[in-house]
């Protein structure tokens, strides 16, 4: 599958080859597996339009979910598992413990990772 087949238009000139390869692979997976659920597509559309979307709660995170947060120039990837959360190969019991490890101060983990309406407002 090539870019034009996948997206119906030529690729923008500024995209890297690596990004385009990943985007094409993702599109192929979506087509094969049915894509994102309607609720997720709606939330993403609302975000893209600059409107508020329904917020997620950590209780609704499923194993396999990936949380991404940039902090002081570093990007952190946290994987949700059945037993907790994995950051840098270590399993953590809570997002708040991870947020404290990253920032050095006490944070609400769900708030730090943008999972509630007060996200990004400080500790």
N, C-alpha and C. Protein backbone atom coordinates (compact mmCIF):
# COMPACT_ATOMS: atom_id res chain seq x y z
N UNK A 1 0.86 -1.17 0.00
CA UNK A 1 0.00 0.00 0.00
C UNK A 1 0.91 1.24 0.00
N UNK A 2 0.62 2.18 -0.88
CA UNK A 2 1.38 3.41 -0.95
C UNK A 2 0.55 4.56 -0.43
N UNK A 3 1.20 5.71 -0.20
CA UNK A 3 0.55 6.86 0.41
C UNK A 3 -0.75 7.24 -0.31
N UNK A 4 -0.69 7.40 -1.62
CA UNK A 4 -1.88 7.85 -2.35
C UNK A 4 -2.99 6.82 -2.29
N UNK A 5 -2.66 5.54 -2.29
CA UNK A 5 -3.68 4.50 -2.14
C UNK A 5 -4.32 4.57 -0.75
N UNK A 6 -3.49 4.82 0.25
CA UNK A 6 -3.97 4.83 1.63
C UNK A 6 -4.79 6.06 1.96
N UNK A 7 -4.34 7.23 1.47
CA UNK A 7 -4.94 8.49 1.90
C UNK A 7 -5.61 9.30 0.80
N UNK A 8 -5.53 8.82 -0.45
CA UNK A 8 -6.25 9.46 -1.54
C UNK A 8 -5.66 10.75 -2.05
N UNK A 9 -4.44 11.06 -1.68
CA UNK A 9 -3.78 12.29 -2.13
C UNK A 9 -2.27 12.09 -1.99
N UNK A 10 -1.49 12.88 -2.71
CA UNK A 10 -0.04 12.76 -2.56
C UNK A 10 0.39 13.19 -1.15
N UNK A 11 1.50 12.69 -0.67
CA UNK A 11 1.95 13.06 0.67
C UNK A 11 2.44 14.51 0.71
N UNK A 12 2.25 15.19 1.84
CA UNK A 12 2.81 16.53 1.98
C UNK A 12 4.33 16.47 1.86
N UNK A 13 4.93 17.49 1.32
CA UNK A 13 6.37 17.50 1.06
C UNK A 13 7.21 17.43 2.33
N UNK A 14 6.68 17.88 3.44
CA UNK A 14 7.48 17.97 4.67
C UNK A 14 7.54 16.68 5.48
N UNK A 15 6.84 15.63 5.08
CA UNK A 15 6.83 14.39 5.85
C UNK A 15 8.07 13.56 5.57
N UNK A 16 8.62 12.98 6.62
CA UNK A 16 9.79 12.11 6.44
C UNK A 16 9.34 10.75 5.91
N UNK A 17 10.27 10.06 5.28
CA UNK A 17 9.98 8.72 4.76
C UNK A 17 9.58 7.79 5.91
N UNK A 18 10.29 7.89 7.02
CA UNK A 18 9.98 7.04 8.17
C UNK A 18 8.56 7.27 8.66
N UNK A 19 8.15 8.53 8.79
CA UNK A 19 6.79 8.83 9.23
C UNK A 19 5.77 8.27 8.25
N UNK A 20 6.02 8.46 6.96
CA UNK A 20 5.08 7.97 5.96
C UNK A 20 4.96 6.45 6.01
N UNK A 21 6.08 5.75 6.22
CA UNK A 21 6.03 4.29 6.32
C UNK A 21 5.17 3.87 7.51
N UNK A 22 5.35 4.55 8.65
CA UNK A 22 4.55 4.23 9.83
C UNK A 22 3.07 4.54 9.60
N UNK A 23 2.78 5.66 8.98
CA UNK A 23 1.39 6.05 8.72
C UNK A 23 0.71 5.05 7.78
N UNK A 24 1.42 4.62 6.76
CA UNK A 24 0.86 3.65 5.82
C UNK A 24 0.61 2.32 6.52
N UNK A 25 1.56 1.89 7.36
CA UNK A 25 1.38 0.64 8.10
C UNK A 25 0.20 0.73 9.05
N UNK A 26 0.06 1.87 9.73
CA UNK A 26 -1.06 2.06 10.65
C UNK A 26 -2.38 2.02 9.89
N UNK A 27 -2.43 2.70 8.76
CA UNK A 27 -3.66 2.72 7.95
C UNK A 27 -4.03 1.30 7.50
N UNK A 28 -3.02 0.51 7.11
CA UNK A 28 -3.28 -0.87 6.70
C UNK A 28 -3.84 -1.69 7.87
N UNK A 29 -3.29 -1.48 9.08
CA UNK A 29 -3.81 -2.18 10.26
C UNK A 29 -5.25 -1.76 10.55
N UNK A 30 -5.53 -0.48 10.42
CA UNK A 30 -6.90 0.01 10.66
C UNK A 30 -7.87 -0.63 9.68
N UNK A 31 -7.48 -0.70 8.43
CA UNK A 31 -8.37 -1.30 7.43
C UNK A 31 -8.58 -2.78 7.72
N UNK A 32 -7.53 -3.46 8.13
CA UNK A 32 -7.62 -4.89 8.40
C UNK A 32 -8.44 -5.17 9.67
N UNK A 33 -8.30 -4.33 10.68
CA UNK A 33 -8.92 -4.60 11.98
C UNK A 33 -10.14 -3.72 12.28
N UNK A 34 -10.57 -2.91 11.35
CA UNK A 34 -11.77 -2.12 11.56
C UNK A 34 -11.54 -0.72 12.08
N UNK A 35 -10.32 -0.32 12.32
CA UNK A 35 -10.04 1.05 12.74
C UNK A 35 -10.40 1.33 14.18
N UNK A 36 -10.41 2.60 14.51
CA UNK A 36 -10.72 3.04 15.86
C UNK A 36 -12.21 2.98 16.13
N UNK A 37 -12.59 2.78 17.38
CA UNK A 37 -14.01 2.82 17.72
C UNK A 37 -14.59 4.21 17.43
N UNK A 38 -15.87 4.27 17.15
CA UNK A 38 -16.54 5.52 16.81
C UNK A 38 -16.36 6.57 17.90
N UNK A 39 -16.44 6.16 19.16
CA UNK A 39 -16.29 7.09 20.27
C UNK A 39 -14.90 7.75 20.26
N UNK A 40 -13.87 6.98 19.95
CA UNK A 40 -12.52 7.51 19.89
C UNK A 40 -12.37 8.46 18.72
N UNK A 41 -12.92 8.08 17.56
CA UNK A 41 -12.85 8.97 16.39
C UNK A 41 -13.54 10.30 16.68
N UNK A 42 -14.68 10.25 17.35
CA UNK A 42 -15.40 11.47 17.69
C UNK A 42 -14.58 12.34 18.63
N UNK A 43 -13.98 11.74 19.65
CA UNK A 43 -13.15 12.50 20.59
C UNK A 43 -11.96 13.14 19.87
N UNK A 44 -11.31 12.40 18.98
CA UNK A 44 -10.16 12.94 18.25
C UNK A 44 -10.59 14.09 17.33
N UNK A 45 -11.74 13.94 16.70
CA UNK A 45 -12.25 15.01 15.83
C UNK A 45 -12.52 16.27 16.64
N UNK A 46 -13.12 16.11 17.83
CA UNK A 46 -13.40 17.27 18.69
C UNK A 46 -12.10 17.95 19.12
N UNK A 47 -11.10 17.17 19.47
CA UNK A 47 -9.81 17.73 19.87
C UNK A 47 -9.19 18.50 18.70
N UNK A 48 -9.23 17.90 17.50
CA UNK A 48 -8.65 18.55 16.31
C UNK A 48 -9.35 19.88 16.01
N UNK A 49 -10.62 19.96 16.35
CA UNK A 49 -11.38 21.19 16.13
C UNK A 49 -11.21 22.19 17.27
N UNK A 50 -10.43 21.83 18.29
CA UNK A 50 -10.21 22.72 19.41
C UNK A 50 -11.32 22.73 20.44
N UNK A 51 -12.21 21.76 20.35
CA UNK A 51 -13.32 21.67 21.30
C UNK A 51 -12.96 20.67 22.40
N UNK A 52 -13.56 20.81 23.58
CA UNK A 52 -13.28 19.83 24.65
C UNK A 52 -13.84 18.47 24.29
N UNK A 53 -13.16 17.46 24.73
CA UNK A 53 -13.66 16.10 24.51
C UNK A 53 -13.94 15.47 25.86
N UNK A 54 -14.63 14.37 25.85
CA UNK A 54 -14.85 13.64 27.09
C UNK A 54 -13.50 13.20 27.63
N UNK A 55 -13.31 13.29 28.92
CA UNK A 55 -12.02 12.91 29.50
C UNK A 55 -12.03 11.45 29.90
N UNK A 56 -10.86 10.87 29.88
CA UNK A 56 -10.71 9.47 30.27
C UNK A 56 -10.42 9.40 31.75
N UNK A 57 -10.77 8.33 32.37
CA UNK A 57 -10.36 8.13 33.76
C UNK A 57 -9.41 6.94 33.78
N UNK A 58 -8.47 6.93 34.72
CA UNK A 58 -7.52 5.83 34.74
C UNK A 58 -8.20 4.47 34.91
N UNK A 59 -9.38 4.44 35.51
CA UNK A 59 -10.10 3.19 35.67
C UNK A 59 -10.54 2.60 34.34
N UNK A 60 -10.59 3.42 33.30
CA UNK A 60 -11.02 2.93 32.00
C UNK A 60 -9.84 2.60 31.09
N UNK A 61 -8.63 2.78 31.57
CA UNK A 61 -7.48 2.42 30.76
C UNK A 61 -7.35 0.91 30.71
N UNK A 62 -7.15 0.39 29.53
CA UNK A 62 -7.04 -1.05 29.37
C UNK A 62 -5.58 -1.46 29.20
N UNK A 63 -5.25 -2.67 29.62
CA UNK A 63 -3.89 -3.15 29.37
C UNK A 63 -3.54 -3.01 27.89
N UNK A 64 -2.35 -2.53 27.65
CA UNK A 64 -1.90 -2.30 26.28
C UNK A 64 -1.95 -0.83 25.89
N UNK A 65 -2.72 -0.01 26.65
CA UNK A 65 -2.77 1.42 26.36
C UNK A 65 -1.39 2.02 26.61
N UNK A 66 -1.07 3.06 25.87
CA UNK A 66 0.22 3.73 26.01
C UNK A 66 -0.04 5.19 26.30
N UNK A 67 0.51 5.66 27.41
CA UNK A 67 0.42 7.07 27.78
C UNK A 67 1.74 7.73 27.42
N UNK A 68 1.67 8.89 26.81
CA UNK A 68 2.88 9.60 26.39
C UNK A 68 2.84 10.99 27.00
N UNK A 69 3.95 11.40 27.61
CA UNK A 69 4.03 12.72 28.23
C UNK A 69 5.43 13.27 28.02
N UNK A 70 5.50 14.49 27.56
CA UNK A 70 6.79 15.17 27.42
C UNK A 70 6.98 16.02 28.67
N UNK A 71 8.18 15.95 29.25
CA UNK A 71 8.48 16.73 30.45
C UNK A 71 9.95 17.16 30.38
N UNK A 72 10.18 18.44 30.41
CA UNK A 72 11.53 19.00 30.39
C UNK A 72 12.39 18.43 29.27
N UNK A 73 11.81 18.36 28.09
CA UNK A 73 12.57 17.94 26.91
C UNK A 73 12.68 16.44 26.70
N UNK A 74 12.15 15.64 27.59
CA UNK A 74 12.18 14.19 27.42
C UNK A 74 10.75 13.67 27.25
N UNK A 75 10.59 12.71 26.37
CA UNK A 75 9.29 12.09 26.17
C UNK A 75 9.26 10.78 26.94
N UNK A 76 8.22 10.61 27.75
CA UNK A 76 8.04 9.41 28.56
C UNK A 76 6.90 8.59 27.98
N UNK A 77 7.11 7.28 27.87
CA UNK A 77 6.09 6.35 27.39
C UNK A 77 5.76 5.40 28.53
N UNK A 78 4.51 5.38 28.94
CA UNK A 78 4.06 4.51 30.03
C UNK A 78 3.05 3.53 29.47
N UNK A 79 3.34 2.26 29.62
CA UNK A 79 2.43 1.21 29.16
C UNK A 79 1.53 0.76 30.30
N UNK A 80 0.24 0.67 30.02
CA UNK A 80 -0.73 0.18 30.99
C UNK A 80 -0.74 -1.34 30.91
N UNK A 81 -0.61 -2.00 32.05
CA UNK A 81 -0.66 -3.46 32.10
C UNK A 81 -1.74 -3.89 33.09
N UNK A 82 -2.00 -5.16 33.15
CA UNK A 82 -2.97 -5.68 34.12
C UNK A 82 -2.46 -5.51 35.54
N UNK A 83 -1.13 -5.42 35.71
CA UNK A 83 -0.52 -5.33 37.04
C UNK A 83 -0.12 -3.92 37.43
N UNK A 84 -0.35 -2.94 36.58
CA UNK A 84 0.06 -1.58 36.90
C UNK A 84 0.49 -0.84 35.65
N UNK A 85 1.65 -0.18 35.74
CA UNK A 85 2.16 0.65 34.66
C UNK A 85 3.65 0.40 34.51
N UNK A 86 4.13 0.40 33.27
CA UNK A 86 5.55 0.18 33.03
C UNK A 86 6.17 1.44 32.46
N UNK A 87 7.24 1.89 33.11
CA UNK A 87 8.04 3.02 32.64
C UNK A 87 9.50 2.60 32.72
N UNK A 88 10.21 2.73 31.63
CA UNK A 88 11.64 2.41 31.57
C UNK A 88 11.94 1.01 32.11
N UNK A 89 11.05 0.04 31.79
CA UNK A 89 11.29 -1.35 32.17
C UNK A 89 10.92 -1.68 33.60
N UNK A 90 10.44 -0.71 34.35
CA UNK A 90 10.07 -0.93 35.76
C UNK A 90 8.56 -0.85 35.90
N UNK A 91 7.98 -1.74 36.69
CA UNK A 91 6.54 -1.73 36.93
C UNK A 91 6.23 -0.85 38.13
N UNK A 92 5.22 -0.01 37.95
CA UNK A 92 4.78 0.93 38.99
C UNK A 92 3.33 0.62 39.33
N UNK A 93 2.96 0.84 40.59
CA UNK A 93 1.60 0.56 41.04
C UNK A 93 0.64 1.68 40.66
N UNK A 94 1.16 2.91 40.49
CA UNK A 94 0.26 4.03 40.22
C UNK A 94 0.89 5.05 39.27
N UNK A 95 0.03 5.78 38.59
CA UNK A 95 0.49 6.87 37.74
C UNK A 95 1.06 8.00 38.58
N UNK A 96 0.55 8.19 39.78
CA UNK A 96 1.05 9.25 40.65
C UNK A 96 2.50 8.99 41.05
N UNK A 97 2.85 7.74 41.31
CA UNK A 97 4.24 7.40 41.63
C UNK A 97 5.15 7.69 40.44
N UNK A 98 4.67 7.41 39.25
CA UNK A 98 5.45 7.70 38.05
C UNK A 98 5.61 9.21 37.88
N UNK A 99 4.52 9.96 38.06
CA UNK A 99 4.59 11.41 37.93
C UNK A 99 5.58 12.00 38.92
N UNK A 100 5.61 11.48 40.14
CA UNK A 100 6.57 11.96 41.14
C UNK A 100 8.00 11.62 40.73
N UNK A 101 8.20 10.43 40.19
CA UNK A 101 9.53 10.03 39.72
C UNK A 101 10.01 10.97 38.60
N UNK A 102 9.11 11.30 37.70
CA UNK A 102 9.48 12.15 36.55
C UNK A 102 9.75 13.59 36.98
N UNK A 103 8.88 14.13 37.83
CA UNK A 103 8.95 15.56 38.15
C UNK A 103 9.72 15.88 39.41
N UNK A 104 9.84 14.90 40.30
CA UNK A 104 10.49 15.16 41.58
C UNK A 104 9.57 15.81 42.59
N UNK A 105 8.31 15.95 42.27
CA UNK A 105 7.34 16.54 43.18
C UNK A 105 6.04 15.75 43.11
N UNK A 106 5.17 15.96 44.07
CA UNK A 106 3.92 15.21 44.14
C UNK A 106 2.92 15.76 43.13
N UNK A 107 2.44 14.87 42.29
CA UNK A 107 1.42 15.18 41.28
C UNK A 107 0.33 14.13 41.35
N UNK A 108 -0.83 14.50 40.92
CA UNK A 108 -1.85 13.49 40.62
C UNK A 108 -1.43 12.86 39.30
N UNK A 109 -1.23 11.55 39.29
CA UNK A 109 -0.80 10.88 38.07
C UNK A 109 -1.77 11.06 36.92
N UNK A 110 -3.08 10.83 37.15
CA UNK A 110 -4.04 11.04 36.06
C UNK A 110 -4.00 12.49 35.54
N UNK A 111 -3.84 13.42 36.44
CA UNK A 111 -3.75 14.83 36.03
C UNK A 111 -2.48 15.08 35.21
N UNK A 112 -1.35 14.55 35.68
CA UNK A 112 -0.07 14.72 34.98
C UNK A 112 -0.14 14.17 33.56
N UNK A 113 -0.80 13.05 33.38
CA UNK A 113 -0.89 12.42 32.07
C UNK A 113 -2.08 12.89 31.26
N UNK A 114 -2.79 13.92 31.74
CA UNK A 114 -3.88 14.51 30.97
C UNK A 114 -5.15 13.71 30.94
N UNK A 115 -5.40 12.92 31.97
CA UNK A 115 -6.58 12.06 31.99
C UNK A 115 -7.76 12.67 32.73
N UNK A 116 -7.62 13.89 33.18
CA UNK A 116 -8.78 14.56 33.78
C UNK A 116 -8.81 16.02 33.37
N UNK A 117 -9.85 16.71 33.71
CA UNK A 117 -10.09 18.07 33.20
C UNK A 117 -9.14 19.11 33.76
N UNK A 118 -8.42 18.82 34.82
CA UNK A 118 -7.49 19.79 35.39
C UNK A 118 -6.06 19.55 34.92
N UNK A 119 -5.88 18.76 33.89
CA UNK A 119 -4.55 18.39 33.40
C UNK A 119 -3.74 19.62 33.05
N UNK A 120 -2.45 19.56 33.39
CA UNK A 120 -1.52 20.60 32.99
C UNK A 120 -1.59 21.87 33.83
N UNK A 121 -2.29 21.86 34.95
CA UNK A 121 -2.44 23.07 35.76
C UNK A 121 -1.44 23.12 36.90
N UNK A 122 -0.42 22.27 36.89
CA UNK A 122 0.56 22.27 37.97
C UNK A 122 0.30 21.15 38.95
N UNK A 123 1.18 20.99 39.96
CA UNK A 123 1.04 19.88 40.90
C UNK A 123 -0.12 19.97 41.78
